[in-house]
Amino acid sequence: MGLHGQSQKKNLPRSKADVGKELTDCDVEHVVPQMEIVNMLMNMNPLNKTEVERILKTYFRVLLVTKEEHDMLNASGLRSKMPKDWDRKDVWARYKCVGIEPENG
């Protein structure tokens, strides 16, 4: 958390394909789509501060990807959702489906 804004783009982790590219050629991508996180929080009953923090620390991550990788997510239907068989453990599941690898992954 804290590295999610456009102003922090230069400090964001990158996909392997994005390493060395100009920032203008990159897109900021949420590893787990924000709506998935919102749904987790909205389904929490009762609302629990410790669990909210755990969810945000676990799932609220961003990665710089190439425009081509962003297009691959769009084409796969995974632009704003996780794979249907997602186990909620592997935050990289959506990227694995389309072959996006984090630089340090």
PDB file of N, CA and C in Angstrom:
ATOM      1  N   MET A   1       0.847  -1.163   0.000  1.00  0.00           N
ATOM      2  CA  MET A   1       0.000   0.000   0.000  1.00  0.00           C
ATOM      3  C   MET A   1       0.900   1.235   0.000  1.00  0.00           C
ATOM      4  N   GLY A   2       0.380   2.324  -0.433  1.00  0.00           N
ATOM      5  CA  GLY A   2       1.169   3.533  -0.477  1.00  0.00           C
ATOM      6  C   GLY A   2       1.831   3.772  -1.815  1.00  0.00           C
ATOM      7  N   LEU A   3       1.888   2.760  -2.664  1.00  0.00           N
ATOM      8  CA  LEU A   3       2.507   2.904  -3.983  1.00  0.00           C
ATOM      9  C   LEU A   3       1.476   2.803  -5.093  1.00  0.00           C
ATOM     10  N   HIS A   4       0.219   3.053  -4.790  1.00  0.00           N
ATOM     11  CA  HIS A   4      -0.834   2.821  -5.770  1.00  0.00           C
ATOM     12  C   HIS A   4      -1.127   4.010  -6.670  1.00  0.00           C
ATOM     13  N   GLY A   5      -0.651   5.201  -6.361  1.00  0.00           N
ATOM     14  CA  GLY A   5      -0.984   6.377  -7.152  1.00  0.00           C
ATOM     15  C   GLY A   5      -0.086   6.570  -8.354  1.00  0.00           C
ATOM     16  N   GLN A   6      -0.593   7.313  -9.331  1.00  0.00           N
ATOM     17  CA  GLN A   6       0.177   7.610 -10.532  1.00  0.00           C
ATOM     18  C   GLN A   6       1.473   8.343 -10.195  1.00  0.00           C
ATOM     19  N   SER A   7       1.461   9.150  -9.141  1.00  0.00           N
ATOM     20  CA  SER A   7       2.663   9.892  -8.767  1.00  0.00           C
ATOM     21  C   SER A   7       3.776   8.962  -8.293  1.00  0.00           C
ATOM     22  N   GLN A   8       3.430   7.764  -7.920  1.00  0.00           N
ATOM     23  CA  GLN A   8       4.414   6.793  -7.439  1.00  0.00           C
ATOM     24  C   GLN A   8       4.826   5.799  -8.526  1.00  0.00           C
ATOM     25  N   LYS A   9       4.426   6.037  -9.736  1.00  0.00           N
ATOM     26  CA  LYS A   9       4.627   5.081 -10.823  1.00  0.00           C
ATOM     27  C   LYS A   9       6.074   4.613 -10.942  1.00  0.00           C
ATOM     28  N   LYS A  10       7.024   5.527 -10.772  1.00  0.00           N
ATOM     29  CA  LYS A  10       8.432   5.162 -10.928  1.00  0.00           C
ATOM     30  C   LYS A  10       8.904   4.194  -9.846  1.00  0.00           C
ATOM     31  N   ASN A  11       8.186   4.102  -8.738  1.00  0.00           N
ATOM     32  CA  ASN A  11       8.570   3.241  -7.625  1.00  0.00           C
ATOM     33  C   ASN A  11       7.837   1.901  -7.608  1.00  0.00           C
ATOM     34  N   LEU A  12       6.957   1.691  -8.547  1.00  0.00           N
ATOM     35  CA  LEU A  12       6.133   0.479  -8.549  1.00  0.00           C
ATOM     36  C   LEU A  12       6.903  -0.734  -9.039  1.00  0.00           C
ATOM     37  N   PRO A  13       6.534  -1.903  -8.522  1.00  0.00           N
ATOM     38  CA  PRO A  13       7.100  -3.126  -9.091  1.00  0.00           C
ATOM     39  C   PRO A  13       6.605  -3.293 -10.526  1.00  0.00           C
ATOM     40  N   ARG A  14       7.377  -4.027 -11.318  1.00  0.00           N
ATOM     41  CA  ARG A  14       7.074  -4.182 -12.742  1.00  0.00           C
ATOM     42  C   ARG A  14       6.939  -5.644 -13.137  1.00  0.00           C
ATOM     43  N   SER A  15       6.274  -5.845 -14.254  1.00  0.00           N
ATOM     44  CA  SER A  15       6.285  -7.174 -14.852  1.00  0.00           C
ATOM     45  C   SER A  15       7.643  -7.359 -15.519  1.00  0.00           C
ATOM     46  N   LYS A  16       8.027  -8.612 -15.766  1.00  0.00           N
ATOM     47  CA  LYS A  16       9.309  -8.878 -16.432  1.00  0.00           C
ATOM     48  C   LYS A  16       9.371  -8.201 -17.789  1.00  0.00           C
ATOM     49  N   ALA A  17       8.258  -8.214 -18.522  1.00  0.00           N
ATOM     50  CA  ALA A  17       8.226  -7.603 -19.856  1.00  0.00           C
ATOM     51  C   ALA A  17       8.302  -6.085 -19.796  1.00  0.00           C
ATOM     52  N   ASP A  18       7.991  -5.508 -18.658  1.00  0.00           N
ATOM     53  CA  ASP A  18       7.951  -4.055 -18.516  1.00  0.00           C
ATOM     54  C   ASP A  18       9.281  -3.452 -18.067  1.00  0.00           C
ATOM     55  N   VAL A  19      10.185  -4.278 -17.587  1.00  0.00           N
ATOM     56  CA  VAL A  19      11.467  -3.789 -17.075  1.00  0.00           C
ATOM     57  C   VAL A  19      12.206  -3.021 -18.173  1.00  0.00           C
ATOM     58  N   GLY A  20      12.641  -1.809 -17.832  1.00  0.00           N
ATOM     59  CA  GLY A  20      13.402  -0.992 -18.767  1.00  0.00           C
ATOM     60  C   GLY A  20      12.568  -0.124 -19.688  1.00  0.00           C
ATOM     61  N   LYS A  21      11.268  -0.273 -19.671  1.00  0.00           N
ATOM     62  CA  LYS A  21      10.407   0.543 -20.537  1.00  0.00           C
ATOM     63  C   LYS A  21      10.206   1.922 -19.921  1.00  0.00           C
ATOM     64  N   GLU A  22       9.904   2.895 -20.762  1.00  0.00           N
ATOM     65  CA  GLU A  22       9.571   4.237 -20.304  1.00  0.00           C
ATOM     66  C   GLU A  22       8.244   4.183 -19.546  1.00  0.00           C
ATOM     67  N   LEU A  23       8.115   5.010 -18.524  1.00  0.00           N
ATOM     68  CA  LEU A  23       6.891   5.018 -17.729  1.00  0.00           C
ATOM     69  C   LEU A  23       5.661   5.327 -18.571  1.00  0.00           C
ATOM     70  N   THR A  24       5.812   6.120 -19.601  1.00  0.00           N
ATOM     71  CA  THR A  24       4.672   6.456 -20.464  1.00  0.00           C
ATOM     72  C   THR A  24       4.192   5.256 -21.270  1.00  0.00           C
ATOM     73  N   ASP A  25       5.030   4.227 -21.361  1.00  0.00           N
ATOM     74  CA  ASP A  25       4.670   3.014 -22.100  1.00  0.00           C
ATOM     75  C   ASP A  25       4.117   1.930 -21.191  1.00  0.00           C
ATOM     76  N   CYS A  26       3.855   2.276 -19.931  1.00  0.00           N
ATOM     77  CA  CYS A  26       3.407   1.311 -18.928  1.00  0.00           C
ATOM     78  C   CYS A  26       2.019   1.669 -18.412  1.00  0.00           C
ATOM     79  N   ASP A  27       1.318   0.658 -17.967  1.00  0.00           N
ATOM     80  CA  ASP A  27       0.028   0.849 -17.317  1.00  0.00           C
ATOM     81  C   ASP A  27       0.116   0.341 -15.886  1.00  0.00           C
ATOM     82  N   VAL A  28      -0.531   1.055 -14.972  1.00  0.00           N
ATOM     83  CA  VAL A  28      -0.636   0.599 -13.591  1.00  0.00           C
ATOM     84  C   VAL A  28      -1.817  -0.368 -13.530  1.00  0.00           C
ATOM     85  N   GLU A  29      -1.559  -1.548 -13.010  1.00  0.00           N
ATOM     86  CA  GLU A  29      -2.566  -2.595 -12.975  1.00  0.00           C
ATOM     87  C   GLU A  29      -2.702  -3.108 -11.543  1.00  0.00           C
ATOM     88  N   HIS A  30      -3.921  -3.214 -11.054  1.00  0.00           N
ATOM     89  CA  HIS A  30      -4.149  -3.800  -9.733  1.00  0.00           C
ATOM     90  C   HIS A  30      -4.054  -5.317  -9.856  1.00  0.00           C
ATOM     91  N   VAL A  31      -3.215  -5.911  -9.039  1.00  0.00           N
ATOM     92  CA  VAL A  31      -3.002  -7.360  -9.106  1.00  0.00           C
ATOM     93  C   VAL A  31      -4.316  -8.092  -8.882  1.00  0.00           C
ATOM     94  N   VAL A  32      -5.029  -7.706  -7.855  1.00  0.00           N
ATOM     95  CA  VAL A  32      -6.397  -8.184  -7.629  1.00  0.00           C
ATOM     96  C   VAL A  32      -7.285  -6.985  -7.914  1.00  0.00           C
ATOM     97  N   PRO A  33      -8.209  -7.100  -8.861  1.00  0.00           N
ATOM     98  CA  PRO A  33      -9.050  -5.950  -9.211  1.00  0.00           C
ATOM     99  C   PRO A  33      -9.731  -5.340  -7.983  1.00  0.00           C
ATOM    100  N   GLN A  34      -9.830  -4.028  -7.992  1.00  0.00           N
ATOM    101  CA  GLN A  34     -10.397  -3.318  -6.851  1.00  0.00           C
ATOM    102  C   GLN A  34     -11.801  -3.790  -6.509  1.00  0.00           C
ATOM    103  N   MET A  35     -12.612  -4.111  -7.502  1.00  0.00           N
ATOM    104  CA  MET A  35     -13.981  -4.546  -7.224  1.00  0.00           C
ATOM    105  C   MET A  35     -13.997  -5.877  -6.471  1.00  0.00           C
ATOM    106  N   GLU A  36     -13.031  -6.741  -6.733  1.00  0.00           N
ATOM    107  CA  GLU A  36     -12.932  -7.996  -5.971  1.00  0.00           C
ATOM    108  C   GLU A  36     -12.691  -7.687  -4.492  1.00  0.00           C
ATOM    109  N   ILE A  37     -11.814  -6.718  -4.233  1.00  0.00           N
ATOM    110  CA  ILE A  37     -11.500  -6.332  -2.859  1.00  0.00           C
ATOM    111  C   ILE A  37     -12.719  -5.686  -2.203  1.00  0.00           C
ATOM    112  N   VAL A  38     -13.375  -4.801  -2.926  1.00  0.00           N
ATOM    113  CA  VAL A  38     -14.586  -4.158  -2.403  1.00  0.00           C
ATOM    114  C   VAL A  38     -15.625  -5.215  -2.048  1.00  0.00           C
ATOM    115  N   ASN A  39     -15.813  -6.196  -2.902  1.00  0.00           N
ATOM    116  CA  ASN A  39     -16.794  -7.251  -2.629  1.00  0.00           C
ATOM    117  C   ASN A  39     -16.431  -8.039  -1.376  1.00  0.00           C
ATOM    118  N   MET A  40     -15.135  -8.330  -1.195  1.00  0.00           N
ATOM    119  CA  MET A  40     -14.705  -9.028   0.022  1.00  0.00           C
ATOM    120  C   MET A  40     -15.070  -8.216   1.260  1.00  0.00           C
ATOM    121  N   LEU A  41     -14.811  -6.919   1.192  1.00  0.00           N
ATOM    122  CA  LEU A  41     -15.089  -6.048   2.334  1.00  0.00           C
ATOM    123  C   LEU A  41     -16.591  -5.906   2.572  1.00  0.00           C
ATOM    124  N   MET A  42     -17.359  -5.784   1.502  1.00  0.00           N
ATOM    125  CA  MET A  42     -18.813  -5.615   1.633  1.00  0.00           C
ATOM    126  C   MET A  42     -19.485  -6.875   2.171  1.00  0.00           C
ATOM    127  N   ASN A  43     -18.891  -8.031   1.884  1.00  0.00           N
ATOM    128  CA  ASN A  43     -19.463  -9.294   2.343  1.00  0.00           C
ATOM    129  C   ASN A  43     -19.060  -9.636   3.779  1.00  0.00           C
ATOM    130  N   MET A  44     -18.208  -8.836   4.359  1.00  0.00           N
ATOM    131  CA  MET A  44     -17.746  -9.090   5.715  1.00  0.00           C
ATOM    132  C   MET A  44     -18.856  -8.735   6.704  1.00  0.00           C
ATOM    133  N   ASN A  45     -19.236  -9.705   7.503  1.00  0.00           N
ATOM    134  CA  ASN A  45     -20.288  -9.481   8.478  1.00  0.00           C
ATOM    135  C   ASN A  45     -19.996 -10.302   9.723  1.00  0.00           C
ATOM    136  N   PRO A  46     -19.669  -9.684  10.800  1.00  0.00           N
ATOM    137  CA  PRO A  46     -19.598  -8.247  11.014  1.00  0.00           C
ATOM    138  C   PRO A  46     -18.275  -7.681  10.492  1.00  0.00           C
ATOM    139  N   LEU A  47     -18.291  -6.388  10.250  1.00  0.00           N
ATOM    140  CA  LEU A  47     -17.089  -5.686   9.812  1.00  0.00           C
ATOM    141  C   LEU A  47     -16.062  -5.759  10.931  1.00  0.00           C
ATOM    142  N   ASN A  48     -14.847  -6.123  10.581  1.00  0.00           N
ATOM    143  CA  ASN A  48     -13.807  -6.365  11.577  1.00  0.00           C
ATOM    144  C   ASN A  48     -12.532  -5.671  11.138  1.00  0.00           C
ATOM    145  N   LYS A  49     -12.036  -4.743  11.945  1.00  0.00           N
ATOM    146  CA  LYS A  49     -10.864  -3.939  11.587  1.00  0.00           C
ATOM    147  C   LYS A  49      -9.648  -4.806  11.246  1.00  0.00           C
ATOM    148  N   THR A  50      -9.392  -5.818  12.028  1.00  0.00           N
ATOM    149  CA  THR A  50      -8.242  -6.695  11.796  1.00  0.00           C
ATOM    150  C   THR A  50      -8.365  -7.395  10.454  1.00  0.00           C
ATOM    151  N   GLU A  51      -9.556  -7.866  10.131  1.00  0.00           N
ATOM    152  CA  GLU A  51      -9.767  -8.565   8.859  1.00  0.00           C
ATOM    153  C   GLU A  51      -9.705  -7.597   7.682  1.00  0.00           C
ATOM    154  N   VAL A  52     -10.211  -6.376   7.846  1.00  0.00           N
ATOM    155  CA  VAL A  52     -10.112  -5.358   6.797  1.00  0.00           C
ATOM    156  C   VAL A  52      -8.643  -5.094   6.493  1.00  0.00           C
ATOM    157  N   GLU A  53      -7.840  -4.919   7.524  1.00  0.00           N
ATOM    158  CA  GLU A  53      -6.404  -4.681   7.330  1.00  0.00           C
ATOM    159  C   GLU A  53      -5.741  -5.861   6.639  1.00  0.00           C
ATOM    160  N   ARG A  54      -6.095  -7.085   7.032  1.00  0.00           N
ATOM    161  CA  ARG A  54      -5.520  -8.278   6.407  1.00  0.00           C
ATOM    162  C   ARG A  54      -5.859  -8.339   4.927  1.00  0.00           C
ATOM    163  N   ILE A  55      -7.106  -8.081   4.600  1.00  0.00           N
ATOM    164  CA  ILE A  55      -7.536  -8.107   3.195  1.00  0.00           C
ATOM    165  C   ILE A  55      -6.771  -7.075   2.391  1.00  0.00           C
ATOM    166  N   LEU A  56      -6.677  -5.859   2.901  1.00  0.00           N
ATOM    167  CA  LEU A  56      -5.986  -4.800   2.162  1.00  0.00           C
ATOM    168  C   LEU A  56      -4.499  -5.104   2.005  1.00  0.00           C
ATOM    169  N   LYS A  57      -3.861  -5.583   3.052  1.00  0.00           N
ATOM    170  CA  LYS A  57      -2.437  -5.904   2.971  1.00  0.00           C
ATOM    171  C   LYS A  57      -2.163  -7.084   2.048  1.00  0.00           C
ATOM    172  N   THR A  58      -3.081  -8.020   1.977  1.00  0.00           N
ATOM    173  CA  THR A  58      -2.910  -9.205   1.143  1.00  0.00           C
ATOM    174  C   THR A  58      -3.212  -8.933  -0.325  1.00  0.00           C
ATOM    175  N   TYR A  59      -4.288  -8.215  -0.599  1.00  0.00           N
ATOM    176  CA  TYR A  59      -4.795  -8.120  -1.965  1.00  0.00           C
ATOM    177  C   TYR A  59      -4.588  -6.775  -2.660  1.00  0.00           C
ATOM    178  N   PHE A  60      -4.370  -5.696  -1.921  1.00  0.00           N
ATOM    179  CA  PHE A  60      -4.255  -4.386  -2.555  1.00  0.00           C
ATOM    180  C   PHE A  60      -2.812  -4.162  -2.980  1.00  0.00           C
ATOM    181  N   ARG A  61      -2.501  -4.608  -4.201  1.00  0.00           N
ATOM    182  CA  ARG A  61      -1.159  -4.497  -4.778  1.00  0.00           C
ATOM    183  C   ARG A  61      -1.287  -3.993  -6.206  1.00  0.00           C
ATOM    184  N   VAL A  62      -0.244  -3.340  -6.667  1.00  0.00           N
ATOM    185  CA  VAL A  62      -0.229  -2.882  -8.050  1.00  0.00           C
ATOM    186  C   VAL A  62       1.060  -3.341  -8.719  1.00  0.00           C
ATOM    187  N   LEU A  63       1.027  -3.375 -10.035  1.00  0.00           N
ATOM    188  CA  LEU A  63       2.168  -3.788 -10.836  1.00  0.00           C
ATOM    189  C   LEU A  63       2.146  -2.977 -12.119  1.00  0.00           C
ATOM    190  N   LEU A  64       3.301  -2.510 -12.553  1.00  0.00           N
ATOM    191  CA  LEU A  64       3.393  -1.867 -13.863  1.00  0.00           C
ATOM    192  C   LEU A  64       3.489  -2.953 -14.911  1.00  0.00           C
ATOM    193  N   VAL A  65       2.644  -2.858 -15.914  1.00  0.00           N
ATOM    194  CA  VAL A  65       2.643  -3.831 -17.003  1.00  0.00           C
ATOM    195  C   VAL A  65       2.756  -3.091 -18.328  1.00  0.00           C
ATOM    196  N   THR A  66       3.130  -3.815 -19.358  1.00  0.00           N
ATOM    197  CA  THR A  66       3.172  -3.208 -20.685  1.00  0.00           C
ATOM    198  C   THR A  66       1.746  -3.019 -21.184  1.00  0.00           C
ATOM    199  N   LYS A  67       1.597  -2.171 -22.160  1.00  0.00           N
ATOM    200  CA  LYS A  67       0.271  -1.960 -22.755  1.00  0.00           C
ATOM    201  C   LYS A  67      -0.222  -3.252 -23.401  1.00  0.00           C
ATOM    202  N   GLU A  68       0.705  -4.038 -23.948  1.00  0.00           N
ATOM    203  CA  GLU A  68       0.341  -5.329 -24.549  1.00  0.00           C
ATOM    204  C   GLU A  68      -0.179  -6.296 -23.484  1.00  0.00           C
ATOM    205  N   GLU A  69       0.469  -6.310 -22.315  1.00  0.00           N
ATOM    206  CA  GLU A  69      -0.007  -7.172 -21.235  1.00  0.00           C
ATOM    207  C   GLU A  69      -1.381  -6.721 -20.754  1.00  0.00           C
ATOM    208  N   HIS A  70      -1.587  -5.430 -20.686  1.00  0.00           N
ATOM    209  CA  HIS A  70      -2.899  -4.901 -20.297  1.00  0.00           C
ATOM    210  C   HIS A  70      -3.951  -5.356 -21.310  1.00  0.00           C
ATOM    211  N   ASP A  71      -3.608  -5.295 -22.590  1.00  0.00           N
ATOM    212  CA  ASP A  71      -4.523  -5.756 -23.642  1.00  0.00           C
ATOM    213  C   ASP A  71      -4.819  -7.246 -23.507  1.00  0.00           C
ATOM    214  N   MET A  72      -3.815  -8.035 -23.091  1.00  0.00           N
ATOM    215  CA  MET A  72      -4.017  -9.481 -22.906  1.00  0.00           C
ATOM    216  C   MET A  72      -5.041  -9.734 -21.800  1.00  0.00           C
ATOM    217  N   LEU A  73      -4.957  -8.954 -20.727  1.00  0.00           N
ATOM    218  CA  LEU A  73      -5.946  -9.099 -19.650  1.00  0.00           C
ATOM    219  C   LEU A  73      -7.341  -8.761 -20.163  1.00  0.00           C
ATOM    220  N   ASN A  74      -7.439  -7.684 -20.921  1.00  0.00           N
ATOM    221  CA  ASN A  74      -8.740  -7.296 -21.483  1.00  0.00           C
ATOM    222  C   ASN A  74      -9.296  -8.394 -22.378  1.00  0.00           C
ATOM    223  N   ALA A  75      -8.462  -8.918 -23.268  1.00  0.00           N
ATOM    224  CA  ALA A  75      -8.902  -9.938 -24.226  1.00  0.00           C
ATOM    225  C   ALA A  75      -9.314 -11.234 -23.524  1.00  0.00           C
ATOM    226  N   SER A  76      -8.701 -11.521 -22.388  1.00  0.00           N
ATOM    227  CA  SER A  76      -8.995 -12.770 -21.668  1.00  0.00           C
ATOM    228  C   SER A  76     -10.277 -12.676 -20.841  1.00  0.00           C
ATOM    229  N   GLY A  77     -10.820 -11.474 -20.713  1.00  0.00           N
ATOM    230  CA  GLY A  77     -11.998 -11.278 -19.866  1.00  0.00           C
ATOM    231  C   GLY A  77     -11.646 -11.104 -18.399  1.00  0.00           C
ATOM    232  N   LEU A  78     -10.342 -10.945 -18.111  1.00  0.00           N
ATOM    233  CA  LEU A  78      -9.897 -10.822 -16.727  1.00  0.00           C
ATOM    234  C   LEU A  78      -9.461  -9.403 -16.382  1.00  0.00           C
ATOM    235  N   ARG A  79      -9.932  -8.436 -17.124  1.00  0.00           N
ATOM    236  CA  ARG A  79      -9.539  -7.049 -16.861  1.00  0.00           C
ATOM    237  C   ARG A  79      -9.962  -6.604 -15.472  1.00  0.00           C
ATOM    238  N   SER A  80     -11.157  -6.985 -15.058  1.00  0.00           N
ATOM    239  CA  SER A  80     -11.653  -6.495 -13.773  1.00  0.00           C
ATOM    240  C   SER A  80     -12.188  -7.610 -12.880  1.00  0.00           C
ATOM    241  N   LYS A  81     -11.726  -8.831 -13.122  1.00  0.00           N
ATOM    242  CA  LYS A  81     -12.147  -9.929 -12.252  1.00  0.00           C
ATOM    243  C   LYS A  81     -11.056 -10.994 -12.208  1.00  0.00           C
ATOM    244  N   MET A  82     -11.151 -11.815 -11.206  1.00  0.00           N
ATOM    245  CA  MET A  82     -10.214 -12.923 -11.045  1.00  0.00           C
ATOM    246  C   MET A  82     -10.782 -14.147 -11.767  1.00  0.00           C
ATOM    247  N   PRO A  83      -9.935 -15.132 -12.054  1.00  0.00           N
ATOM    248  CA  PRO A  83     -10.433 -16.358 -12.700  1.00  0.00           C
ATOM    249  C   PRO A  83     -11.525 -17.013 -11.857  1.00  0.00           C
ATOM    250  N   LYS A  84     -12.446 -17.682 -12.520  1.00  0.00           N
ATOM    251  CA  LYS A  84     -13.574 -18.311 -11.821  1.00  0.00           C
ATOM    252  C   LYS A  84     -13.120 -19.303 -10.745  1.00  0.00           C
ATOM    253  N   ASP A  85     -12.003 -19.980 -10.975  1.00  0.00           N
ATOM    254  CA  ASP A  85     -11.522 -20.985 -10.028  1.00  0.00           C
ATOM    255  C   ASP A  85     -10.519 -20.428  -9.010  1.00  0.00           C
ATOM    256  N   TRP A  86     -10.471 -19.113  -8.858  1.00  0.00           N
ATOM    257  CA  TRP A  86      -9.515 -18.483  -7.950  1.00  0.00           C
ATOM    258  C   TRP A  86      -9.730 -18.961  -6.523  1.00  0.00           C
ATOM    259  N   ASP A  87      -8.643 -19.356  -5.865  1.00  0.00           N
ATOM    260  CA  ASP A  87      -8.707 -19.891  -4.512  1.00  0.00           C
ATOM    261  C   ASP A  87      -8.547 -18.828  -3.425  1.00  0.00           C
ATOM    262  N   ARG A  88      -8.403 -17.573  -3.815  1.00  0.00           N
ATOM    263  CA  ARG A  88      -8.189 -16.438  -2.912  1.00  0.00           C
ATOM    264  C   ARG A  88      -6.857 -16.524  -2.166  1.00  0.00           C
ATOM    265  N   LYS A  89      -5.987 -17.409  -2.614  1.00  0.00           N
ATOM    266  CA  LYS A  89      -4.652 -17.507  -2.026  1.00  0.00           C
ATOM    267  C   LYS A  89      -3.614 -16.931  -2.971  1.00  0.00           C
ATOM    268  N   ASP A  90      -3.697 -17.284  -4.220  1.00  0.00           N
ATOM    269  CA  ASP A  90      -2.702 -16.860  -5.207  1.00  0.00           C
ATOM    270  C   ASP A  90      -3.133 -15.524  -5.823  1.00  0.00           C
ATOM    271  N   VAL A  91      -2.552 -14.427  -5.324  1.00  0.00           N
ATOM    272  CA  VAL A  91      -2.928 -13.111  -5.840  1.00  0.00           C
ATOM    273  C   VAL A  91      -2.510 -12.943  -7.300  1.00  0.00           C
ATOM    274  N   TRP A  92      -1.585 -13.750  -7.770  1.00  0.00           N
ATOM    275  CA  TRP A  92      -1.086 -13.655  -9.151  1.00  0.00           C
ATOM    276  C   TRP A  92      -1.882 -14.519 -10.127  1.00  0.00           C
ATOM    277  N   ALA A  93      -2.947 -15.160  -9.699  1.00  0.00           N
ATOM    278  CA  ALA A  93      -3.691 -16.115 -10.536  1.00  0.00           C
ATOM    279  C   ALA A  93      -4.144 -15.517 -11.864  1.00  0.00           C
ATOM    280  N   ARG A  94      -4.626 -14.311 -11.843  1.00  0.00           N
ATOM    281  CA  ARG A  94      -5.127 -13.661 -13.060  1.00  0.00           C
ATOM    282  C   ARG A  94      -3.988 -13.455 -14.053  1.00  0.00           C
ATOM    283  N   TYR A  95      -2.843 -13.065 -13.557  1.00  0.00           N
ATOM    284  CA  TYR A  95      -1.683 -12.849 -14.423  1.00  0.00           C
ATOM    285  C   TYR A  95      -1.153 -14.165 -14.975  1.00  0.00           C
ATOM    286  N   LYS A  96      -1.172 -15.208 -14.155  1.00  0.00           N
ATOM    287  CA  LYS A  96      -0.702 -16.518 -14.619  1.00  0.00           C
ATOM    288  C   LYS A  96      -1.545 -17.019 -15.781  1.00  0.00           C
ATOM    289  N   CYS A  97      -2.826 -16.703 -15.761  1.00  0.00           N
ATOM    290  CA  CYS A  97      -3.726 -17.140 -16.844  1.00  0.00           C
ATOM    291  C   CYS A  97      -3.309 -16.586 -18.209  1.00  0.00           C
ATOM    292  N   VAL A  98      -2.719 -15.414 -18.210  1.00  0.00           N
ATOM    293  CA  VAL A  98      -2.348 -14.772 -19.482  1.00  0.00           C
ATOM    294  C   VAL A  98      -0.843 -14.681 -19.692  1.00  0.00           C
ATOM    295  N   GLY A  99      -0.052 -15.214 -18.765  1.00  0.00           N
ATOM    296  CA  GLY A  99       1.397 -15.257 -18.944  1.00  0.00           C
ATOM    297  C   GLY A  99       2.161 -14.008 -18.511  1.00  0.00           C
ATOM    298  N   ILE A 100       1.591 -13.219 -17.607  1.00  0.00           N
ATOM    299  CA  ILE A 100       2.303 -12.046 -17.082  1.00  0.00           C
ATOM    300  C   ILE A 100       3.083 -12.487 -15.847  1.00  0.00           C
ATOM    301  N   GLU A 101       4.377 -12.179 -15.835  1.00  0.00           N
ATOM    302  CA  GLU A 101       5.221 -12.531 -14.699  1.00  0.00           C
ATOM    303  C   GLU A 101       5.749 -11.275 -14.020  1.00  0.00           C
ATOM    304  N   PRO A 102       5.616 -11.221 -12.671  1.00  0.00           N
ATOM    305  CA  PRO A 102       6.226 -10.079 -11.977  1.00  0.00           C
ATOM    306  C   PRO A 102       7.745 -10.165 -12.046  1.00  0.00           C
ATOM    307  N   GLU A 103       8.410  -9.035 -12.052  1.00  0.00           N
ATOM    308  CA  GLU A 103       9.867  -8.992 -12.148  1.00  0.00           C
ATOM    309  C   GLU A 103      10.530  -9.820 -11.054  1.00  0.00           C
ATOM    310  N   ASN A 104      10.038  -9.692  -9.855  1.00  0.00           N
ATOM    311  CA  ASN A 104      10.633 -10.424  -8.730  1.00  0.00           C
ATOM    312  C   ASN A 104       9.737 -11.564  -8.270  1.00  0.00           C
ATOM    313  N   GLY A 105       9.230 -12.309  -9.205  1.00  0.00           N
ATOM    314  CA  GLY A 105       8.283 -13.344  -8.821  1.00  0.00           C
ATOM    315  C   GLY A 105       8.685 -14.681  -9.147  1.00  0.00           C
TER     316      GLY A 105
END
